[in-house]
C-alpha atoms as a PDB file:
ATOM      1  CA  MET A   1     -22.947  -3.814   0.703  1.00  0.00           C
ATOM      2  CA  GLY A   2     -20.027  -5.994  -0.121  1.00  0.00           C
ATOM      3  CA  VAL A   3     -19.410  -9.693   0.423  1.00  0.00           C
ATOM      4  CA  GLU A   4     -18.851 -10.229   3.962  1.00  0.00           C
ATOM      5  CA  VAL A   5     -16.114 -12.498   3.573  1.00  0.00           C
ATOM      6  CA  ALA A   6     -12.353 -12.162   4.828  1.00  0.00           C
ATOM      7  CA  LEU A   7      -9.195 -14.295   4.790  1.00  0.00           C
ATOM      8  CA  THR A   8      -7.800 -14.719   8.369  1.00  0.00           C
ATOM      9  CA  GLY A   9      -5.050 -16.843   9.804  1.00  0.00           C
ATOM     10  CA  GLU A  10      -4.800 -20.042  11.816  1.00  0.00           C
ATOM     11  CA  GLY A  11      -6.601 -20.410  15.139  1.00  0.00           C
ATOM     12  CA  MET A  12      -9.002 -17.963  14.177  1.00  0.00           C
ATOM     13  CA  PRO A  13     -12.768 -18.037  14.692  1.00  0.00           C
ATOM     14  CA  ALA A  14     -15.248 -18.996  11.589  1.00  0.00           C
ATOM     15  CA  SER A  15     -16.917 -15.550  11.977  1.00  0.00           C
ATOM     16  CA  ALA A  16     -16.360 -12.176  13.626  1.00  0.00           C
ATOM     17  CA  GLU A  17     -18.850  -9.200  14.378  1.00  0.00           C
ATOM     18  CA  VAL A  18     -17.615  -5.830  12.642  1.00  0.00           C
ATOM     19  CA  GLU A  19     -18.849  -2.417  13.251  1.00  0.00           C
ATOM     20  CA  LYS A  20     -19.852  -0.305  10.694  1.00  0.00           C
ATOM     21  CA  GLU A  21     -19.001   3.516  10.490  1.00  0.00           C
ATOM     22  CA  ASP A  22     -22.695   4.031  10.789  1.00  0.00           C
ATOM     23  CA  GLY A  23     -22.975   2.264  14.126  1.00  0.00           C
ATOM     24  CA  GLY A  24     -24.468  -0.704  12.780  1.00  0.00           C
ATOM     25  CA  LYS A  25     -22.729  -4.190  12.708  1.00  0.00           C
ATOM     26  CA  ILE A  26     -22.365  -7.129  10.177  1.00  0.00           C
ATOM     27  CA  GLN A  27     -21.314 -10.585  10.679  1.00  0.00           C
ATOM     28  CA  VAL A  28     -18.104 -11.352   8.572  1.00  0.00           C
ATOM     29  CA  GLN A  29     -17.276 -15.042   7.461  1.00  0.00           C
ATOM     30  CA  LEU A  30     -13.447 -15.877   8.401  1.00  0.00           C
ATOM     31  CA  ILE A  31     -11.922 -18.055   5.936  1.00  0.00           C
ATOM     32  CA  ALA A  32      -8.503 -19.765   7.420  1.00  0.00           C
ATOM     33  CA  PRO A  33      -5.724 -21.260   5.723  1.00  0.00           C
ATOM     34  CA  GLY A  34      -6.564 -25.087   4.875  1.00  0.00           C
ATOM     35  CA  PRO A  35      -7.568 -27.659   2.012  1.00  0.00           C
ATOM     36  CA  ASP A  36     -10.659 -25.841   1.560  1.00  0.00           C
ATOM     37  CA  THR A  37      -9.568 -21.998   1.153  1.00  0.00           C
ATOM     38  CA  GLU A  38      -9.801 -21.813  -2.406  1.00  0.00           C
ATOM     39  CA  GLN A  39     -13.009 -23.388  -2.688  1.00  0.00           C
ATOM     40  CA  GLN A  40     -14.550 -21.338   0.299  1.00  0.00           C
ATOM     41  CA  LEU A  41     -13.194 -18.188  -1.184  1.00  0.00           C
ATOM     42  CA  LYS A  42     -14.620 -19.091  -4.820  1.00  0.00           C
ATOM     43  CA  ASP A  43     -18.014 -20.051  -3.384  1.00  0.00           C
ATOM     44  CA  ALA A  44     -18.126 -16.496  -1.855  1.00  0.00           C
ATOM     45  CA  VAL A  45     -17.137 -14.449  -4.989  1.00  0.00           C
ATOM     46  CA  GLU A  46     -19.605 -16.762  -7.039  1.00  0.00           C
ATOM     47  CA  LYS A  47     -22.424 -15.930  -4.754  1.00  0.00           C
ATOM     48  CA  GLY A  48     -21.545 -12.042  -4.549  1.00  0.00           C
ATOM     49  CA  ARG A  49     -21.553 -12.135  -8.661  1.00  0.00           C
ATOM     50  CA  ALA A  50     -24.875 -14.092  -8.686  1.00  0.00           C
ATOM     51  CA  ALA A  51     -26.201 -11.224  -6.533  1.00  0.00           C
ATOM     52  CA  GLY A  52     -25.291  -8.628  -9.237  1.00  0.00           C
ATOM     53  CA  LYS A  53     -22.008  -7.489  -7.431  1.00  0.00           C
ATOM     54  CA  THR A  54     -18.536  -6.549  -8.790  1.00  0.00           C
ATOM     55  CA  VAL A  55     -16.507  -8.469  -6.132  1.00  0.00           C
ATOM     56  CA  ILE A  56     -13.009  -7.053  -5.323  1.00  0.00           C
ATOM     57  CA  ALA A  57     -10.645  -8.022  -3.013  1.00  0.00           C
ATOM     58  CA  ILE A  58      -9.042  -5.497  -0.618  1.00  0.00           C
ATOM     59  CA  ASP A  59      -5.580  -6.533   0.680  1.00  0.00           C
ATOM     60  CA  PHE A  60      -3.732  -4.820   3.687  1.00  0.00           C
ATOM     61  CA  THR A  61      -2.503  -8.252   5.131  1.00  0.00           C
ATOM     62  CA  HIS A  62       1.071  -9.172   6.549  1.00  0.00           C
ATOM     63  CA  PRO A  63       4.056  -8.688   3.802  1.00  0.00           C
ATOM     64  CA  THR A  64       4.553 -12.584   4.183  1.00  0.00           C
ATOM     65  CA  ALA A  65       1.356 -13.252   2.753  1.00  0.00           C
ATOM     66  CA  VAL A  66       1.514 -10.989  -0.249  1.00  0.00           C
ATOM     67  CA  ASN A  67       2.667 -13.486  -2.950  1.00  0.00           C
ATOM     68  CA  LYS A  68       0.300 -16.432  -1.338  1.00  0.00           C
ATOM     69  CA  ASN A  69      -2.512 -14.157  -1.376  1.00  0.00           C
ATOM     70  CA  ALA A  70      -2.049 -13.095  -5.068  1.00  0.00           C
ATOM     71  CA  GLU A  71      -1.659 -16.591  -6.226  1.00  0.00           C
ATOM     72  CA  LEU A  72      -5.058 -17.331  -4.581  1.00  0.00           C
ATOM     73  CA  TYR A  73      -6.712 -14.752  -5.967  1.00  0.00           C
ATOM     74  CA  CYS A  74      -5.361 -15.656  -9.478  1.00  0.00           C
ATOM     75  CA  LYS A  75      -6.722 -19.256  -8.802  1.00  0.00           C
ATOM     76  CA  VAL A  76     -10.098 -17.736  -7.846  1.00  0.00           C
ATOM     77  CA  GLY A  77     -10.411 -15.093 -10.645  1.00  0.00           C
ATOM     78  CA  LEU A  78     -10.836 -12.498  -7.870  1.00  0.00           C
ATOM     79  CA  PRO A  79      -9.757  -8.761  -8.890  1.00  0.00           C
ATOM     80  CA  PHE A  80      -8.231  -7.107  -6.005  1.00  0.00           C
ATOM     81  CA  VAL A  81      -6.702  -3.866  -4.669  1.00  0.00           C
ATOM     82  CA  MET A  82      -3.477  -4.531  -2.736  1.00  0.00           C
ATOM     83  CA  GLY A  83      -1.768  -2.185  -0.301  1.00  0.00           C
ATOM     84  CA  THR A  84       0.370  -4.480   1.345  1.00  0.00           C
ATOM     85  CA  THR A  85       4.014  -3.654   1.036  1.00  0.00           C
ATOM     86  CA  GLY A  86       6.735  -6.508   1.098  1.00  0.00           C
ATOM     87  CA  GLY A  87       7.171  -9.813  -0.652  1.00  0.00           C
ATOM     88  CA  ASP A  88       8.447 -10.467  -3.904  1.00  0.00           C
ATOM     89  CA  ARG A  89       7.230  -7.842  -5.919  1.00  0.00           C
ATOM     90  CA  GLU A  90       8.675  -9.045  -9.222  1.00  0.00           C
ATOM     91  CA  ALA A  91       6.882 -12.354  -8.716  1.00  0.00           C
ATOM     92  CA  LEU A  92       3.598 -10.440  -7.575  1.00  0.00           C
ATOM     93  CA  HIS A  93       3.616  -8.569 -10.991  1.00  0.00           C
ATOM     94  CA  LYS A  94       4.282 -11.760 -13.068  1.00  0.00           C
ATOM     95  CA  VAL A  95       1.687 -13.815 -11.471  1.00  0.00           C
ATOM     96  CA  VAL A  96      -1.224 -11.425 -12.192  1.00  0.00           C
ATOM     97  CA  THR A  97       0.058 -10.531 -15.573  1.00  0.00           C
ATOM     98  CA  ASP A  98       0.604 -14.190 -16.556  1.00  0.00           C
ATOM     99  CA  ALA A  99      -3.409 -14.977 -14.998  1.00  0.00           C
ATOM    100  CA  GLY A 100      -4.602 -11.935 -17.051  1.00  0.00           C
ATOM    101  CA  LEU A 101      -6.249 -10.662 -13.479  1.00  0.00           C
ATOM    102  CA  TYR A 102      -7.620  -7.205 -13.083  1.00  0.00           C
ATOM    103  CA  CYS A 103      -6.023  -5.647  -9.892  1.00  0.00           C
ATOM    104  CA  LEU A 104      -4.462  -2.485  -8.344  1.00  0.00           C
ATOM    105  CA  ILE A 105      -1.238  -2.848  -6.540  1.00  0.00           C
ATOM    106  CA  ALA A 106       0.372   0.192  -4.788  1.00  0.00           C
ATOM    107  CA  PRO A 107       2.621   0.638  -1.664  1.00  0.00           C
ATOM    108  CA  ASN A 108       0.739   3.562  -0.482  1.00  0.00           C
ATOM    109  CA  MET A 109      -2.932   4.412  -1.085  1.00  0.00           C
ATOM    110  CA  CYS A 110      -2.776   7.912   0.212  1.00  0.00           C
ATOM    111  CA  LYS A 111      -3.337   9.925  -3.008  1.00  0.00           C
ATOM    112  CA  GLN A 112      -1.484  13.159  -1.806  1.00  0.00           C
ATOM    113  CA  ILE A 113       1.587  11.011  -0.796  1.00  0.00           C
ATOM    114  CA  VAL A 114       1.357   9.226  -4.181  1.00  0.00           C
ATOM    115  CA  ALA A 115       1.258  12.640  -5.733  1.00  0.00           C
ATOM    116  CA  PHE A 116       4.273  13.865  -4.011  1.00  0.00           C
ATOM    117  CA  GLN A 117       6.206  10.814  -4.990  1.00  0.00           C
ATOM    118  CA  ALA A 118       5.206  11.628  -8.583  1.00  0.00           C
ATOM    119  CA  MET A 119       6.200  15.110  -8.309  1.00  0.00           C
ATOM    120  CA  MET A 120       9.679  13.671  -6.907  1.00  0.00           C
ATOM    121  CA  ASP A 121      10.077  11.181  -9.770  1.00  0.00           C
ATOM    122  CA  ASN A 122       9.402  13.801 -12.327  1.00  0.00           C
ATOM    123  CA  ILE A 123      11.930  16.268 -10.622  1.00  0.00           C
ATOM    124  CA  SER A 124      14.622  13.621 -10.320  1.00  0.00           C
ATOM    125  CA  SER A 125      14.123  12.702 -14.075  1.00  0.00           C
ATOM    126  CA  MET A 126      14.165  16.176 -14.984  1.00  0.00           C
ATOM    127  CA  TYR A 127      17.071  17.561 -12.966  1.00  0.00           C
ATOM    128  CA  PRO A 128      19.465  14.351 -12.153  1.00  0.00           C
ATOM    129  CA  GLY A 129      22.455  15.536 -10.036  1.00  0.00           C
ATOM    130  CA  ALA A 130      20.785  18.478  -8.999  1.00  0.00           C
ATOM    131  CA  PHE A 131      21.823  17.922  -5.430  1.00  0.00           C
ATOM    132  CA  GLY A 132      25.399  16.683  -6.015  1.00  0.00           C
ATOM    133  CA  GLY A 133      27.416  16.371  -2.991  1.00  0.00           C
ATOM    134  CA  TYR A 134      24.604  16.279  -0.789  1.00  0.00           C
ATOM    135  CA  GLY A 135      24.541  13.631   1.919  1.00  0.00           C
ATOM    136  CA  LEU A 136      20.790  11.896   2.540  1.00  0.00           C
ATOM    137  CA  LYS A 137      19.133  10.874   5.767  1.00  0.00           C
ATOM    138  CA  ILE A 138      15.731   9.126   5.539  1.00  0.00           C
ATOM    139  CA  THR A 139      13.744   8.457   9.070  1.00  0.00           C
ATOM    140  CA  GLU A 140      10.438   6.749   8.969  1.00  0.00           C
ATOM    141  CA  SER A 141       7.902   6.030  11.697  1.00  0.00           C
ATOM    142  CA  HIS A 142       5.075   3.534  11.824  1.00  0.00           C
ATOM    143  CA  GLN A 143       2.981   1.613  14.300  1.00  0.00           C
ATOM    144  CA  SER A 144       4.885  -1.057  15.980  1.00  0.00           C
ATOM    145  CA  GLY A 145       2.831  -3.993  14.079  1.00  0.00           C
ATOM    146  CA  LYS A 146       4.483  -2.774  10.916  1.00  0.00           C
ATOM    147  CA  ALA A 147       6.876  -5.353  10.065  1.00  0.00           C
ATOM    148  CA  ASP A 148       8.777  -4.038   7.130  1.00  0.00           C
ATOM    149  CA  THR A 149      10.539  -0.931   6.114  1.00  0.00           C
ATOM    150  CA  SER A 150       7.724   1.433   4.385  1.00  0.00           C
ATOM    151  CA  GLY A 151       7.537   0.791   0.520  1.00  0.00           C
ATOM    152  CA  THR A 152       7.184   4.753   0.211  1.00  0.00           C
ATOM    153  CA  ALA A 153      10.293   5.442   1.953  1.00  0.00           C
ATOM    154  CA  LYS A 154      12.119   2.877  -0.473  1.00  0.00           C
ATOM    155  CA  ALA A 155      10.506   4.522  -3.548  1.00  0.00           C
ATOM    156  CA  MET A 156      11.714   7.765  -2.459  1.00  0.00           C
ATOM    157  CA  VAL A 157      15.332   6.158  -2.397  1.00  0.00           C
ATOM    158  CA  GLU A 158      15.242   5.939  -6.148  1.00  0.00           C
ATOM    159  CA  TYR A 159      14.212   9.309  -6.883  1.00  0.00           C
ATOM    160  CA  LEU A 160      16.378  11.167  -4.156  1.00  0.00           C
ATOM    161  CA  ASN A 161      19.662   9.136  -5.323  1.00  0.00           C
ATOM    162  CA  LYS A 162      18.980  10.467  -9.127  1.00  0.00           C
ATOM    163  CA  LEU A 163      18.840  13.784  -7.404  1.00  0.00           C
ATOM    164  CA  LYS A 164      22.039  13.638  -5.564  1.00  0.00           C
ATOM    165  CA  GLY A 165      24.173  11.322  -7.530  1.00  0.00           C
ATOM    166  CA  GLY A 166      27.270   9.758  -6.699  1.00  0.00           C
ATOM    167  CA  GLU A 167      27.321   7.015  -4.118  1.00  0.00           C
ATOM    168  CA  PRO A 168      23.833   5.776  -3.905  1.00  0.00           C
ATOM    169  CA  PHE A 169      22.073   5.828  -0.454  1.00  0.00           C
ATOM    170  CA  PRO A 170      20.960   2.182   0.149  1.00  0.00           C
ATOM    171  CA  VAL A 171      17.742   1.303   1.343  1.00  0.00           C
ATOM    172  CA  GLU A 172      19.219  -0.610   4.367  1.00  0.00           C
ATOM    173  CA  ASP A 173      20.162   2.544   5.795  1.00  0.00           C
ATOM    174  CA  ILE A 174      16.854   4.137   6.273  1.00  0.00           C
ATOM    175  CA  THR A 175      16.157   4.598  10.012  1.00  0.00           C
ATOM    176  CA  LYS A 176      12.774   2.734  10.644  1.00  0.00           C
ATOM    177  CA  LEU A 177      11.379   3.700  13.995  1.00  0.00           C
ATOM    178  CA  ARG A 178       8.927   1.094  15.706  1.00  0.00           C
ATOM    179  CA  GLU A 179       9.220   1.659  19.488  1.00  0.00           C
ATOM    180  CA  ALA A 180       7.116   4.343  21.328  1.00  0.00           C
ATOM    181  CA  PRO A 181       9.554   6.162  23.082  1.00  0.00           C
ATOM    182  CA  GLU A 182      11.677   7.117  19.684  1.00  0.00           C
ATOM    183  CA  GLN A 183       8.446   7.705  17.897  1.00  0.00           C
ATOM    184  CA  GLU A 184       7.275  10.183  20.271  1.00  0.00           C
ATOM    185  CA  ALA A 185      10.783  11.695  20.356  1.00  0.00           C
ATOM    186  CA  PHE A 186      10.446  11.933  16.530  1.00  0.00           C
ATOM    187  CA  GLY A 187       7.100  13.902  17.198  1.00  0.00           C
ATOM    188  CA  VAL A 188       4.451  11.363  16.896  1.00  0.00           C
ATOM    189  CA  PRO A 189       1.454  12.270  19.062  1.00  0.00           C
ATOM    190  CA  THR A 190       0.990   9.638  21.788  1.00  0.00           C
ATOM    191  CA  GLU A 191      -2.539   9.126  20.409  1.00  0.00           C
ATOM    192  CA  ALA A 192      -1.406   8.188  17.083  1.00  0.00           C
ATOM    193  CA  LEU A 193       1.158   5.681  18.001  1.00  0.00           C
ATOM    194  CA  LYS A 194      -1.301   2.607  17.241  1.00  0.00           C
ATOM    195  CA  GLY A 195      -1.608   4.230  13.556  1.00  0.00           C
ATOM    196  CA  HIS A 196       0.556   6.542  11.814  1.00  0.00           C
ATOM    197  CA  ALA A 197       3.067   7.265   9.200  1.00  0.00           C
ATOM    198  CA  TRP A 198       5.544   9.778   9.501  1.00  0.00           C
ATOM    199  CA  HIS A 199       8.366  10.255   7.012  1.00  0.00           C
ATOM    200  CA  THR A 200      11.472  12.834   6.887  1.00  0.00           C
ATOM    201  CA  TYR A 201      13.754  13.265   3.899  1.00  0.00           C
ATOM    202  CA  THR A 202      16.729  15.211   4.608  1.00  0.00           C
ATOM    203  CA  LEU A 203      19.308  16.512   2.262  1.00  0.00           C
ATOM    204  CA  THR A 204      22.580  17.920   3.416  1.00  0.00           C
ATOM    205  CA  SER A 205      25.355  19.857   1.731  1.00  0.00           C
ATOM    206  CA  SER A 206      28.849  18.278   2.139  1.00  0.00           C
ATOM    207  CA  ASP A 207      29.874  21.551   4.625  1.00  0.00           C
ATOM    208  CA  GLY A 208      26.513  21.451   6.411  1.00  0.00           C
ATOM    209  CA  SER A 209      25.454  24.947   5.512  1.00  0.00           C
ATOM    210  CA  VAL A 210      22.378  24.133   3.616  1.00  0.00           C
ATOM    211  CA  ILE A 211      19.603  21.809   4.366  1.00  0.00           C
ATOM    212  CA  PHE A 212      16.727  20.686   2.124  1.00  0.00           C
ATOM    213  CA  GLU A 213      13.887  18.582   4.355  1.00  0.00           C
ATOM    214  CA  PHE A 214      10.857  17.027   2.679  1.00  0.00           C
ATOM    215  CA  LYS A 215       8.215  15.224   4.923  1.00  0.00           C
ATOM    216  CA  HIS A 216       5.044  13.718   5.129  1.00  0.00           C
ATOM    217  CA  ASN A 217       3.378  13.264   8.474  1.00  0.00           C
ATOM    218  CA  VAL A 218      -0.123  11.145   8.610  1.00  0.00           C
ATOM    219  CA  CYS A 219      -1.714  10.001  11.879  1.00  0.00           C
ATOM    220  CA  GLY A 220      -4.580   7.691  11.635  1.00  0.00           C
ATOM    221  CA  ARG A 221      -5.429   5.643   8.660  1.00  0.00           C
ATOM    222  CA  ARG A 222      -8.457   7.512   7.194  1.00  0.00           C
ATOM    223  CA  THR A 223      -6.594   8.944   4.268  1.00  0.00           C
ATOM    224  CA  TYR A 224      -5.536   5.470   3.043  1.00  0.00           C
ATOM    225  CA  ALA A 225      -9.250   4.279   3.332  1.00  0.00           C
ATOM    226  CA  GLU A 226     -10.423   7.040   1.299  1.00  0.00           C
ATOM    227  CA  GLY A 227      -7.689   6.132  -1.209  1.00  0.00           C
ATOM    228  CA  VAL A 228      -8.914   2.483  -1.216  1.00  0.00           C
ATOM    229  CA  VAL A 229     -12.192   3.435  -1.917  1.00  0.00           C
ATOM    230  CA  ASP A 230     -11.201   5.329  -5.126  1.00  0.00           C
ATOM    231  CA  ALA A 231      -8.985   2.496  -6.269  1.00  0.00           C
ATOM    232  CA  VAL A 232     -11.888   0.179  -5.836  1.00  0.00           C
ATOM    233  CA  HIS A 233     -14.320   2.433  -7.804  1.00  0.00           C
ATOM    234  CA  PHE A 234     -11.439   3.054 -10.481  1.00  0.00           C
ATOM    235  CA  LEU A 235     -10.718  -0.935 -10.823  1.00  0.00           C
ATOM    236  CA  ALA A 236     -14.514  -1.455 -10.861  1.00  0.00           C
ATOM    237  CA  ALA A 237     -14.785   0.660 -13.994  1.00  0.00           C
ATOM    238  CA  ARG A 238     -11.999  -0.843 -15.765  1.00  0.00           C
ATOM    239  CA  ILE A 239     -13.494  -4.181 -15.331  1.00  0.00           C
ATOM    240  CA  HIS A 240     -16.870  -3.159 -16.602  1.00  0.00           C
ATOM    241  CA  ALA A 241     -14.965  -1.434 -19.631  1.00  0.00           C
ATOM    242  CA  ALA A 242     -13.308  -4.629 -20.181  1.00  0.00           C
ATOM    243  CA  SER A 243      -9.985  -2.547 -20.354  1.00  0.00           C
ATOM    244  CA  ASP A 244      -7.145  -4.343 -22.210  1.00  0.00           C
ATOM    245  CA  LYS A 245      -4.850  -2.895 -19.303  1.00  0.00           C
ATOM    246  CA  LYS A 246      -5.231  -5.052 -16.176  1.00  0.00           C
ATOM    247  CA  LEU A 247      -2.512  -4.168 -13.942  1.00  0.00           C
ATOM    248  CA  PHE A 248      -2.683  -0.631 -12.525  1.00  0.00           C
ATOM    249  CA  ASN A 249      -1.257   1.638  -9.662  1.00  0.00           C
ATOM    250  CA  MET A 250      -2.494   4.602  -7.629  1.00  0.00           C
ATOM    251  CA  ILE A 251      -0.417   6.792 -10.281  1.00  0.00           C
ATOM    252  CA  ASP A 252      -3.259   5.467 -12.789  1.00  0.00           C
ATOM    253  CA  VAL A 253      -6.006   6.577 -10.380  1.00  0.00           C
ATOM    254  CA  LEU A 254      -4.471  10.321 -10.052  1.00  0.00           C
ATOM    255  CA  GLN A 255      -3.945  10.699 -13.957  1.00  0.00           C
ATOM    256  CA  ALA A 256      -7.571   9.426 -14.496  1.00  0.00           C
ATOM    257  CA  GLY A 257      -8.583  12.032 -12.066  1.00  0.00           C
ATOM    258  CA  GLU A 258     -11.252   9.535 -10.652  1.00  0.00           C
ATOM    259  CA  MET A 259     -10.871  10.755  -7.209  1.00  0.00           C
ATOM    260  CA  ASN A 260     -13.757  11.654  -4.628  1.00  0.00           C
END
């Protein structure tokens, strides 16, 4: 059992009832922004540790809260796994490194997609310019509540630009689908509109005679939850081993082979 505490926004109740996968329910304390936020979180962490627990925060909040939350975790000394994209990533990495805090930060928690990214990274480094003269189009679709462009799609731009060479494809040109009609036209099932991640990367020769297409379509959030569980176990093991390295990502989890 974890520590039944969660950060929340302004105007929210002090607690919430959450249904567990086995059908049971637990009461979760909600900590809102305010002068007592840091102390409340610190008290919850200390209570969990006093009970013999390794306390790790799981962060999938809004992009605008990325840096503020990381700073809060550093002040409290709370290790965390963060799958939220956006924010100032350079500042994010700096604040946790300076604090010497154990954490795992990744723009995507789906192990299979991370493996696909690693493959594309390796190929682009081994064969730069293999798709010279090809044009690139990237389309990504996520639930309407996702405010920012997919971090995975942004990462793929770097690898695909290496492969095609020439004029780089700008991140700003990624087609971002957030409205139901265009998402359904893209192929997203109606029942998955509230939770999905569909990505298509298309490389086309200059004369249009050759097309290469890579895609990964995820309906629901289960695969991300499974990746988070692996990430938490991985980070807890590194904490117990007093690892010198403290900042990790999902590639580290894959390379360690510590996946369930």
